ModelCIF file with pLDDT and N, C-alpha, C, O atoms, coordinates in Angstrom:
data_MODEL
#
_entry.id   MODEL 
#
_entity.id                         1 
_entity.type                       polymer 
_entity.pdbx_number_of_molecules   1 
#
_entity_poly.entity_id                      1 
_entity_poly.type                           'polypeptide(L)' 
_entity_poly.nstd_linkage                   no 
_entity_poly.nstd_monomer                   no 
_entity_poly.pdbx_seq_one_letter_code       DGIEPEPRYDALNRAFDESQRRKEAFSRYIEAIPRSVDTMLE 
_entity_poly.pdbx_seq_one_letter_code_can   DGIEPEPRYDALNRAFDESQRRKEAFSRYIEAIPRSVDTMLE 
_entity_poly.pdbx_strand_id                 A 
#
loop_
_entity_poly_seq.entity_id 
_entity_poly_seq.num 
_entity_poly_seq.mon_id 
_entity_poly_seq.hetero 
1 1  ASP n 
1 2  GLY n 
1 3  ILE n 
1 4  GLU n 
1 5  PRO n 
1 6  GLU n 
1 7  PRO n 
1 8  ARG n 
1 9  TYR n 
1 10 ASP n 
1 11 ALA n 
1 12 LEU n 
1 13 ASN n 
1 14 ARG n 
1 15 ALA n 
1 16 PHE n 
1 17 ASP n 
1 18 GLU n 
1 19 SER n 
1 20 GLN n 
1 21 ARG n 
1 22 ARG n 
1 23 LYS n 
1 24 GLU n 
1 25 ALA n 
1 26 PHE n 
1 27 SER n 
1 28 ARG n 
1 29 TYR n 
1 30 ILE n 
1 31 GLU n 
1 32 ALA n 
1 33 ILE n 
1 34 PRO n 
1 35 ARG n 
1 36 SER n 
1 37 VAL n 
1 38 ASP n 
1 39 THR n 
1 40 MET n 
1 41 LEU n 
1 42 GLU n 
#
_struct_asym.id          A 
_struct_asym.entity_id   1 
#
loop_
_ma_qa_metric.id 
_ma_qa_metric.mode 
_ma_qa_metric.name 
_ma_qa_metric.software_group_id 
_ma_qa_metric.type 
1 global pLDDT . pLDDT 
2 local  pLDDT . pLDDT 
#
_ma_qa_metric_global.metric_id      1 
_ma_qa_metric_global.metric_value   91.17 
_ma_qa_metric_global.model_id       1 
_ma_qa_metric_global.ordinal_id     1 
#
loop_
_ma_qa_metric_local.label_asym_id 
_ma_qa_metric_local.label_comp_id 
_ma_qa_metric_local.label_seq_id 
_ma_qa_metric_local.metric_id 
_ma_qa_metric_local.metric_value 
_ma_qa_metric_local.model_id 
_ma_qa_metric_local.ordinal_id 
A ASP 1  2 66.00 1 1  
A GLY 2  2 61.00 1 2  
A ILE 3  2 72.00 1 3  
A GLU 4  2 80.00 1 4  
A PRO 5  2 83.00 1 5  
A GLU 6  2 87.00 1 6  
A PRO 7  2 87.00 1 7  
A ARG 8  2 88.00 1 8  
A TYR 9  2 89.00 1 9  
A ASP 10 2 92.00 1 10 
A ALA 11 2 93.00 1 11 
A LEU 12 2 92.00 1 12 
A ASN 13 2 94.00 1 13 
A ARG 14 2 95.00 1 14 
A ALA 15 2 96.00 1 15 
A PHE 16 2 95.00 1 16 
A ASP 17 2 96.00 1 17 
A GLU 18 2 96.00 1 18 
A SER 19 2 96.00 1 19 
A GLN 20 2 96.00 1 20 
A ARG 21 2 96.00 1 21 
A ARG 22 2 96.00 1 22 
A LYS 23 2 96.00 1 23 
A GLU 24 2 96.00 1 24 
A ALA 25 2 95.00 1 25 
A PHE 26 2 96.00 1 26 
A SER 27 2 95.00 1 27 
A ARG 28 2 95.00 1 28 
A TYR 29 2 95.00 1 29 
A ILE 30 2 95.00 1 30 
A GLU 31 2 95.00 1 31 
A ALA 32 2 94.00 1 32 
A ILE 33 2 95.00 1 33 
A PRO 34 2 95.00 1 34 
A ARG 35 2 94.00 1 35 
A SER 36 2 93.00 1 36 
A VAL 37 2 94.00 1 37 
A ASP 38 2 94.00 1 38 
A THR 39 2 93.00 1 39 
A MET 40 2 91.00 1 40 
A LEU 41 2 91.00 1 41 
A GLU 42 2 91.00 1 42 
#
loop_
_atom_site.group_PDB 
_atom_site.id 
_atom_site.type_symbol 
_atom_site.label_atom_id 
_atom_site.label_alt_id 
_atom_site.label_comp_id 
_atom_site.label_asym_id 
_atom_site.label_entity_id 
_atom_site.label_seq_id 
_atom_site.pdbx_PDB_ins_code 
_atom_site.Cartn_x 
_atom_site.Cartn_y 
_atom_site.Cartn_z 
_atom_site.occupancy 
_atom_site.B_iso_or_equiv 
_atom_site.pdbx_formal_charge 
_atom_site.auth_seq_id 
_atom_site.auth_comp_id 
_atom_site.auth_asym_id 
_atom_site.auth_atom_id 
_atom_site.pdbx_PDB_model_num 
ATOM 1   N N  . ASP A 1 1  ? -175.900 -19.654 108.708 1.00 66.00 ? 1  ASP A N  1 
ATOM 2   C CA . ASP A 1 1  ? -176.501 -20.495 107.901 1.00 66.00 ? 1  ASP A CA 1 
ATOM 3   C C  . ASP A 1 1  ? -176.319 -21.889 108.325 1.00 66.00 ? 1  ASP A C  1 
ATOM 4   O O  . ASP A 1 1  ? -176.747 -22.757 107.564 1.00 66.00 ? 1  ASP A O  1 
ATOM 5   N N  . GLY A 1 2  ? -175.769 -22.230 109.387 1.00 61.00 ? 2  GLY A N  1 
ATOM 6   C CA . GLY A 1 2  ? -175.397 -23.605 109.740 1.00 61.00 ? 2  GLY A CA 1 
ATOM 7   C C  . GLY A 1 2  ? -174.128 -24.171 109.116 1.00 61.00 ? 2  GLY A C  1 
ATOM 8   O O  . GLY A 1 2  ? -173.831 -25.365 109.153 1.00 61.00 ? 2  GLY A O  1 
ATOM 9   N N  . ILE A 1 3  ? -173.422 -23.237 108.553 1.00 72.00 ? 3  ILE A N  1 
ATOM 10  C CA . ILE A 1 3  ? -172.122 -23.919 107.832 1.00 72.00 ? 3  ILE A CA 1 
ATOM 11  C C  . ILE A 1 3  ? -170.905 -23.511 108.637 1.00 72.00 ? 3  ILE A C  1 
ATOM 12  O O  . ILE A 1 3  ? -170.759 -22.410 109.168 1.00 72.00 ? 3  ILE A O  1 
ATOM 13  N N  . GLU A 1 4  ? -170.099 -24.458 108.668 1.00 80.00 ? 4  GLU A N  1 
ATOM 14  C CA . GLU A 1 4  ? -168.853 -24.309 109.387 1.00 80.00 ? 4  GLU A CA 1 
ATOM 15  C C  . GLU A 1 4  ? -168.213 -22.987 108.915 1.00 80.00 ? 4  GLU A C  1 
ATOM 16  O O  . GLU A 1 4  ? -168.078 -22.710 107.723 1.00 80.00 ? 4  GLU A O  1 
ATOM 17  N N  . PRO A 1 5  ? -167.849 -22.237 109.876 1.00 83.00 ? 5  PRO A N  1 
ATOM 18  C CA . PRO A 1 5  ? -167.273 -20.816 109.605 1.00 83.00 ? 5  PRO A CA 1 
ATOM 19  C C  . PRO A 1 5  ? -165.624 -20.937 109.133 1.00 83.00 ? 5  PRO A C  1 
ATOM 20  O O  . PRO A 1 5  ? -165.127 -19.909 108.672 1.00 83.00 ? 5  PRO A O  1 
ATOM 21  N N  . GLU A 1 6  ? -164.907 -21.956 109.218 1.00 87.00 ? 6  GLU A N  1 
ATOM 22  C CA . GLU A 1 6  ? -163.676 -21.823 108.882 1.00 87.00 ? 6  GLU A CA 1 
ATOM 23  C C  . GLU A 1 6  ? -163.310 -21.831 107.465 1.00 87.00 ? 6  GLU A C  1 
ATOM 24  O O  . GLU A 1 6  ? -162.281 -21.212 107.193 1.00 87.00 ? 6  GLU A O  1 
ATOM 25  N N  . PRO A 1 7  ? -163.939 -22.405 106.497 1.00 87.00 ? 7  PRO A N  1 
ATOM 26  C CA . PRO A 1 7  ? -163.768 -22.150 105.040 1.00 87.00 ? 7  PRO A CA 1 
ATOM 27  C C  . PRO A 1 7  ? -164.142 -20.671 104.636 1.00 87.00 ? 7  PRO A C  1 
ATOM 28  O O  . PRO A 1 7  ? -163.480 -20.121 103.755 1.00 87.00 ? 7  PRO A O  1 
ATOM 29  N N  . ARG A 1 8  ? -165.246 -19.974 105.292 1.00 88.00 ? 8  ARG A N  1 
ATOM 30  C CA . ARG A 1 8  ? -165.311 -18.761 105.129 1.00 88.00 ? 8  ARG A CA 1 
ATOM 31  C C  . ARG A 1 8  ? -164.404 -17.647 105.718 1.00 88.00 ? 8  ARG A C  1 
ATOM 32  O O  . ARG A 1 8  ? -164.267 -16.529 105.222 1.00 88.00 ? 8  ARG A O  1 
ATOM 33  N N  . TYR A 1 9  ? -163.816 -18.097 106.818 1.00 89.00 ? 9  TYR A N  1 
ATOM 34  C CA . TYR A 1 9  ? -162.770 -17.369 107.262 1.00 89.00 ? 9  TYR A CA 1 
ATOM 35  C C  . TYR A 1 9  ? -161.669 -17.309 106.535 1.00 89.00 ? 9  TYR A C  1 
ATOM 36  O O  . TYR A 1 9  ? -161.112 -16.227 106.353 1.00 89.00 ? 9  TYR A O  1 
ATOM 37  N N  . ASP A 1 10 ? -161.104 -18.680 105.916 1.00 92.00 ? 10 ASP A N  1 
ATOM 38  C CA . ASP A 1 10 ? -160.014 -18.704 105.068 1.00 92.00 ? 10 ASP A CA 1 
ATOM 39  C C  . ASP A 1 10 ? -160.197 -17.975 103.630 1.00 92.00 ? 10 ASP A C  1 
ATOM 40  O O  . ASP A 1 10 ? -159.261 -17.443 103.034 1.00 92.00 ? 10 ASP A O  1 
ATOM 41  N N  . ALA A 1 11 ? -161.376 -18.017 103.212 1.00 93.00 ? 11 ALA A N  1 
ATOM 42  C CA . ALA A 1 11 ? -161.730 -17.255 102.038 1.00 93.00 ? 11 ALA A CA 1 
ATOM 43  C C  . ALA A 1 11 ? -161.487 -15.651 102.281 1.00 93.00 ? 11 ALA A C  1 
ATOM 44  O O  . ALA A 1 11 ? -160.893 -14.897 101.511 1.00 93.00 ? 11 ALA A O  1 
ATOM 45  N N  . LEU A 1 12 ? -162.050 -15.334 103.453 1.00 92.00 ? 12 LEU A N  1 
ATOM 46  C CA . LEU A 1 12 ? -161.952 -13.947 103.936 1.00 92.00 ? 12 LEU A CA 1 
ATOM 47  C C  . LEU A 1 12 ? -160.434 -13.505 103.977 1.00 92.00 ? 12 LEU A C  1 
ATOM 48  O O  . LEU A 1 12 ? -160.094 -12.376 103.624 1.00 92.00 ? 12 LEU A O  1 
ATOM 49  N N  . ASN A 1 13 ? -159.539 -14.460 104.429 1.00 94.00 ? 13 ASN A N  1 
ATOM 50  C CA . ASN A 1 13 ? -158.104 -14.130 104.832 1.00 94.00 ? 13 ASN A CA 1 
ATOM 51  C C  . ASN A 1 13 ? -157.455 -14.110 103.296 1.00 94.00 ? 13 ASN A C  1 
ATOM 52  O O  . ASN A 1 13 ? -156.508 -13.369 103.033 1.00 94.00 ? 13 ASN A O  1 
ATOM 53  N N  . ARG A 1 14 ? -157.964 -14.861 102.460 1.00 95.00 ? 14 ARG A N  1 
ATOM 54  C CA . ARG A 1 14 ? -157.206 -14.735 101.151 1.00 95.00 ? 14 ARG A CA 1 
ATOM 55  C C  . ARG A 1 14 ? -157.567 -13.506 100.395 1.00 95.00 ? 14 ARG A C  1 
ATOM 56  O O  . ARG A 1 14 ? -156.755 -12.905 99.692  1.00 95.00 ? 14 ARG A O  1 
ATOM 57  N N  . ALA A 1 15 ? -159.002 -13.094 100.585 1.00 96.00 ? 15 ALA A N  1 
ATOM 58  C CA . ALA A 1 15 ? -159.390 -11.988 100.004 1.00 96.00 ? 15 ALA A CA 1 
ATOM 59  C C  . ALA A 1 15 ? -158.654 -10.726 100.537 1.00 96.00 ? 15 ALA A C  1 
ATOM 60  O O  . ALA A 1 15 ? -158.242 -9.842  99.786  1.00 96.00 ? 15 ALA A O  1 
ATOM 61  N N  . PHE A 1 16 ? -158.528 -10.708 101.791 1.00 95.00 ? 16 PHE A N  1 
ATOM 62  C CA . PHE A 1 16 ? -157.606 -9.580  102.601 1.00 95.00 ? 16 PHE A CA 1 
ATOM 63  C C  . PHE A 1 16 ? -156.266 -9.652  101.825 1.00 95.00 ? 16 PHE A C  1 
ATOM 64  O O  . PHE A 1 16 ? -155.826 -8.699  101.182 1.00 95.00 ? 16 PHE A O  1 
ATOM 65  N N  . ASP A 1 17 ? -155.681 -10.795 101.928 1.00 96.00 ? 17 ASP A N  1 
ATOM 66  C CA . ASP A 1 17 ? -154.257 -10.795 101.216 1.00 96.00 ? 17 ASP A CA 1 
ATOM 67  C C  . ASP A 1 17 ? -154.116 -10.041 99.872  1.00 96.00 ? 17 ASP A C  1 
ATOM 68  O O  . ASP A 1 17 ? -153.298 -9.143  99.674  1.00 96.00 ? 17 ASP A O  1 
ATOM 69  N N  . GLU A 1 18 ? -154.975 -10.493 99.009  1.00 96.00 ? 18 GLU A N  1 
ATOM 70  C CA . GLU A 1 18 ? -155.221 -9.996  97.572  1.00 96.00 ? 18 GLU A CA 1 
ATOM 71  C C  . GLU A 1 18 ? -155.421 -8.445  97.825  1.00 96.00 ? 18 GLU A C  1 
ATOM 72  O O  . GLU A 1 18 ? -154.633 -7.650  97.313  1.00 96.00 ? 18 GLU A O  1 
ATOM 73  N N  . SER A 1 19 ? -156.357 -8.061  98.526  1.00 96.00 ? 19 SER A N  1 
ATOM 74  C CA . SER A 1 19 ? -156.552 -6.666  98.751  1.00 96.00 ? 19 SER A CA 1 
ATOM 75  C C  . SER A 1 19 ? -155.149 -5.869  99.228  1.00 96.00 ? 19 SER A C  1 
ATOM 76  O O  . SER A 1 19 ? -154.823 -4.747  98.842  1.00 96.00 ? 19 SER A O  1 
ATOM 77  N N  . GLN A 1 20 ? -154.510 -6.597  100.024 1.00 96.00 ? 20 GLN A N  1 
ATOM 78  C CA . GLN A 1 20 ? -153.289 -5.865  100.622 1.00 96.00 ? 20 GLN A CA 1 
ATOM 79  C C  . GLN A 1 20 ? -152.233 -5.622  99.394  1.00 96.00 ? 20 GLN A C  1 
ATOM 80  O O  . GLN A 1 20 ? -151.488 -4.643  99.341  1.00 96.00 ? 20 GLN A O  1 
ATOM 81  N N  . ARG A 1 21 ? -152.288 -6.754  98.333  1.00 96.00 ? 21 ARG A N  1 
ATOM 82  C CA . ARG A 1 21 ? -151.300 -6.701  97.327  1.00 96.00 ? 21 ARG A CA 1 
ATOM 83  C C  . ARG A 1 21 ? -151.668 -5.479  96.232  1.00 96.00 ? 21 ARG A C  1 
ATOM 84  O O  . ARG A 1 21 ? -150.873 -4.853  95.533  1.00 96.00 ? 21 ARG A O  1 
ATOM 85  N N  . ARG A 1 22 ? -153.007 -5.352  96.302  1.00 96.00 ? 22 ARG A N  1 
ATOM 86  C CA . ARG A 1 22 ? -153.541 -4.277  95.174  1.00 96.00 ? 22 ARG A CA 1 
ATOM 87  C C  . ARG A 1 22 ? -153.353 -3.078  95.831  1.00 96.00 ? 22 ARG A C  1 
ATOM 88  O O  . ARG A 1 22 ? -153.064 -2.112  95.124  1.00 96.00 ? 22 ARG A O  1 
ATOM 89  N N  . LYS A 1 23 ? -153.472 -2.885  97.286  1.00 96.00 ? 23 LYS A N  1 
ATOM 90  C CA . LYS A 1 23 ? -153.106 -1.458  98.010  1.00 96.00 ? 23 LYS A CA 1 
ATOM 91  C C  . LYS A 1 23 ? -151.800 -1.135  97.820  1.00 96.00 ? 23 LYS A C  1 
ATOM 92  O O  . LYS A 1 23 ? -151.475 0.032   97.602  1.00 96.00 ? 23 LYS A O  1 
ATOM 93  N N  . GLU A 1 24 ? -150.901 -2.140  97.882  1.00 96.00 ? 24 GLU A N  1 
ATOM 94  C CA . GLU A 1 24 ? -149.377 -1.675  97.555  1.00 96.00 ? 24 GLU A CA 1 
ATOM 95  C C  . GLU A 1 24 ? -149.071 -1.360  96.271  1.00 96.00 ? 24 GLU A C  1 
ATOM 96  O O  . GLU A 1 24 ? -148.027 -0.744  96.055  1.00 96.00 ? 24 GLU A O  1 
ATOM 97  N N  . ALA A 1 25 ? -149.802 -1.675  95.364  1.00 95.00 ? 25 ALA A N  1 
ATOM 98  C CA . ALA A 1 25 ? -149.480 -1.303  93.872  1.00 95.00 ? 25 ALA A CA 1 
ATOM 99  C C  . ALA A 1 25 ? -150.161 0.206   93.815  1.00 95.00 ? 25 ALA A C  1 
ATOM 100 O O  . ALA A 1 25 ? -149.573 1.163   93.311  1.00 95.00 ? 25 ALA A O  1 
ATOM 101 N N  . PHE A 1 26 ? -151.426 0.282   94.378  1.00 96.00 ? 26 PHE A N  1 
ATOM 102 C CA . PHE A 1 26 ? -151.973 1.630   94.353  1.00 96.00 ? 26 PHE A CA 1 
ATOM 103 C C  . PHE A 1 26 ? -151.016 2.812   95.101  1.00 96.00 ? 26 PHE A C  1 
ATOM 104 O O  . PHE A 1 26 ? -150.846 3.970   94.721  1.00 96.00 ? 26 PHE A O  1 
ATOM 105 N N  . SER A 1 27 ? -150.525 2.232   96.124  1.00 95.00 ? 27 SER A N  1 
ATOM 106 C CA . SER A 1 27 ? -149.745 3.171   96.928  1.00 95.00 ? 27 SER A CA 1 
ATOM 107 C C  . SER A 1 27 ? -148.285 3.450   96.029  1.00 95.00 ? 27 SER A C  1 
ATOM 108 O O  . SER A 1 27 ? -147.726 4.541   96.139  1.00 95.00 ? 27 SER A O  1 
ATOM 109 N N  . ARG A 1 28 ? -147.878 2.670   95.383  1.00 95.00 ? 28 ARG A N  1 
ATOM 110 C CA . ARG A 1 28 ? -146.639 2.947   94.549  1.00 95.00 ? 28 ARG A CA 1 
ATOM 111 C C  . ARG A 1 28 ? -146.927 4.147   93.543  1.00 95.00 ? 28 ARG A C  1 
ATOM 112 O O  . ARG A 1 28 ? -146.160 5.092   93.357  1.00 95.00 ? 28 ARG A O  1 
ATOM 113 N N  . TYR A 1 29 ? -148.035 3.973   92.987  1.00 95.00 ? 29 TYR A N  1 
ATOM 114 C CA . TYR A 1 29 ? -148.379 5.085   91.956  1.00 95.00 ? 29 TYR A CA 1 
ATOM 115 C C  . TYR A 1 29 ? -148.738 6.379   92.756  1.00 95.00 ? 29 TYR A C  1 
ATOM 116 O O  . TYR A 1 29 ? -148.479 7.454   92.215  1.00 95.00 ? 29 TYR A O  1 
ATOM 117 N N  . ILE A 1 30 ? -149.295 6.374   93.963  1.00 95.00 ? 30 ILE A N  1 
ATOM 118 C CA . ILE A 1 30 ? -149.523 7.560   94.463  1.00 95.00 ? 30 ILE A CA 1 
ATOM 119 C C  . ILE A 1 30 ? -148.304 8.208   95.095  1.00 95.00 ? 30 ILE A C  1 
ATOM 120 O O  . ILE A 1 30 ? -148.287 9.393   95.428  1.00 95.00 ? 30 ILE A O  1 
ATOM 121 N N  . GLU A 1 31 ? -147.173 7.280   95.258  1.00 95.00 ? 31 GLU A N  1 
ATOM 122 C CA . GLU A 1 31 ? -145.906 8.116   95.614  1.00 95.00 ? 31 GLU A CA 1 
ATOM 123 C C  . GLU A 1 31 ? -145.104 8.325   94.324  1.00 95.00 ? 31 GLU A C  1 
ATOM 124 O O  . GLU A 1 31 ? -144.139 9.086   94.398  1.00 95.00 ? 31 GLU A O  1 
ATOM 125 N N  . ALA A 1 32 ? -145.395 7.721   93.107  1.00 94.00 ? 32 ALA A N  1 
ATOM 126 C CA . ALA A 1 32 ? -144.405 7.927   92.034  1.00 94.00 ? 32 ALA A CA 1 
ATOM 127 C C  . ALA A 1 32 ? -145.196 9.204   91.057  1.00 94.00 ? 32 ALA A C  1 
ATOM 128 O O  . ALA A 1 32 ? -144.471 9.854   90.304  1.00 94.00 ? 32 ALA A O  1 
ATOM 129 N N  . ILE A 1 33 ? -146.290 9.431   91.099  1.00 95.00 ? 33 ILE A N  1 
ATOM 130 C CA . ILE A 1 33 ? -146.970 10.426  90.351  1.00 95.00 ? 33 ILE A CA 1 
ATOM 131 C C  . ILE A 1 33 ? -146.532 11.874  90.664  1.00 95.00 ? 33 ILE A C  1 
ATOM 132 O O  . ILE A 1 33 ? -146.244 12.721  89.819  1.00 95.00 ? 33 ILE A O  1 
ATOM 133 N N  . PRO A 1 34 ? -146.524 12.029  91.983  1.00 95.00 ? 34 PRO A N  1 
ATOM 134 C CA . PRO A 1 34 ? -146.112 13.521  92.301  1.00 95.00 ? 34 PRO A CA 1 
ATOM 135 C C  . PRO A 1 34 ? -144.649 13.820  91.830  1.00 95.00 ? 34 PRO A C  1 
ATOM 136 O O  . PRO A 1 34 ? -144.360 14.958  91.460  1.00 95.00 ? 34 PRO A O  1 
ATOM 137 N N  . ARG A 1 35 ? -143.747 12.841  91.838  1.00 94.00 ? 35 ARG A N  1 
ATOM 138 C CA . ARG A 1 35 ? -142.345 13.106  91.171  1.00 94.00 ? 35 ARG A CA 1 
ATOM 139 C C  . ARG A 1 35 ? -142.465 13.409  89.650  1.00 94.00 ? 35 ARG A C  1 
ATOM 140 O O  . ARG A 1 35 ? -141.857 14.323  89.093  1.00 94.00 ? 35 ARG A O  1 
ATOM 141 N N  . SER A 1 36 ? -143.346 12.512  89.018  1.00 93.00 ? 36 SER A N  1 
ATOM 142 C CA . SER A 1 36 ? -143.643 12.783  87.637  1.00 93.00 ? 36 SER A CA 1 
ATOM 143 C C  . SER A 1 36 ? -144.025 14.011  87.201  1.00 93.00 ? 36 SER A C  1 
ATOM 144 O O  . SER A 1 36 ? -143.607 14.566  86.185  1.00 93.00 ? 36 SER A O  1 
ATOM 145 N N  . VAL A 1 37 ? -145.128 14.592  88.270  1.00 94.00 ? 37 VAL A N  1 
ATOM 146 C CA . VAL A 1 37 ? -145.645 15.896  87.938  1.00 94.00 ? 37 VAL A CA 1 
ATOM 147 C C  . VAL A 1 37 ? -144.612 16.985  88.117  1.00 94.00 ? 37 VAL A C  1 
ATOM 148 O O  . VAL A 1 37 ? -144.587 17.932  87.331  1.00 94.00 ? 37 VAL A O  1 
ATOM 149 N N  . ASP A 1 38 ? -143.759 16.887  89.120  1.00 94.00 ? 38 ASP A N  1 
ATOM 150 C CA . ASP A 1 38 ? -142.839 17.804  89.297  1.00 94.00 ? 38 ASP A CA 1 
ATOM 151 C C  . ASP A 1 38 ? -141.940 17.967  88.253  1.00 94.00 ? 38 ASP A C  1 
ATOM 152 O O  . ASP A 1 38 ? -141.671 19.093  87.835  1.00 94.00 ? 38 ASP A O  1 
ATOM 153 N N  . THR A 1 39 ? -141.368 16.797  87.713  1.00 93.00 ? 39 THR A N  1 
ATOM 154 C CA . THR A 1 39 ? -140.673 16.747  86.477  1.00 93.00 ? 39 THR A CA 1 
ATOM 155 C C  . THR A 1 39 ? -141.243 17.450  85.280  1.00 93.00 ? 39 THR A C  1 
ATOM 156 O O  . THR A 1 39 ? -140.558 18.215  84.601  1.00 93.00 ? 39 THR A O  1 
ATOM 157 N N  . MET A 1 40 ? -142.449 17.198  85.037  1.00 91.00 ? 40 MET A N  1 
ATOM 158 C CA . MET A 1 40 ? -143.271 17.809  83.933  1.00 91.00 ? 40 MET A CA 1 
ATOM 159 C C  . MET A 1 40 ? -143.263 19.169  84.014  1.00 91.00 ? 40 MET A C  1 
ATOM 160 O O  . MET A 1 40 ? -143.019 19.872  83.033  1.00 91.00 ? 40 MET A O  1 
ATOM 161 N N  . LEU A 1 41 ? -143.565 19.705  85.351  1.00 91.00 ? 41 LEU A N  1 
ATOM 162 C CA . LEU A 1 41 ? -143.622 21.159  85.406  1.00 91.00 ? 41 LEU A CA 1 
ATOM 163 C C  . LEU A 1 41 ? -142.347 21.891  85.347  1.00 91.00 ? 41 LEU A C  1 
ATOM 164 O O  . LEU A 1 41 ? -142.255 23.022  84.869  1.00 91.00 ? 41 LEU A O  1 
ATOM 165 N N  . GLU A 1 42 ? -141.339 21.205  85.857  1.00 91.00 ? 42 GLU A N  1 
ATOM 166 C CA . GLU A 1 42 ? -139.937 21.498  85.586  1.00 91.00 ? 42 GLU A CA 1 
ATOM 167 C C  . GLU A 1 42 ? -139.451 21.740  84.232  1.00 91.00 ? 42 GLU A C  1 
ATOM 168 O O  . GLU A 1 42 ? -138.260 21.985  84.038  1.00 91.00 ? 42 GLU A O  1 
#
């Protein structure tokens, strides 16, 4: 589109960093829930 790519690259980088933070939050629950289910069943 004739626009300098650097600002869009920076925006992508920021979006990726935020995705990474939310992925880590998701993974913490994926790790914690099995332990809670085991405790419930016991």
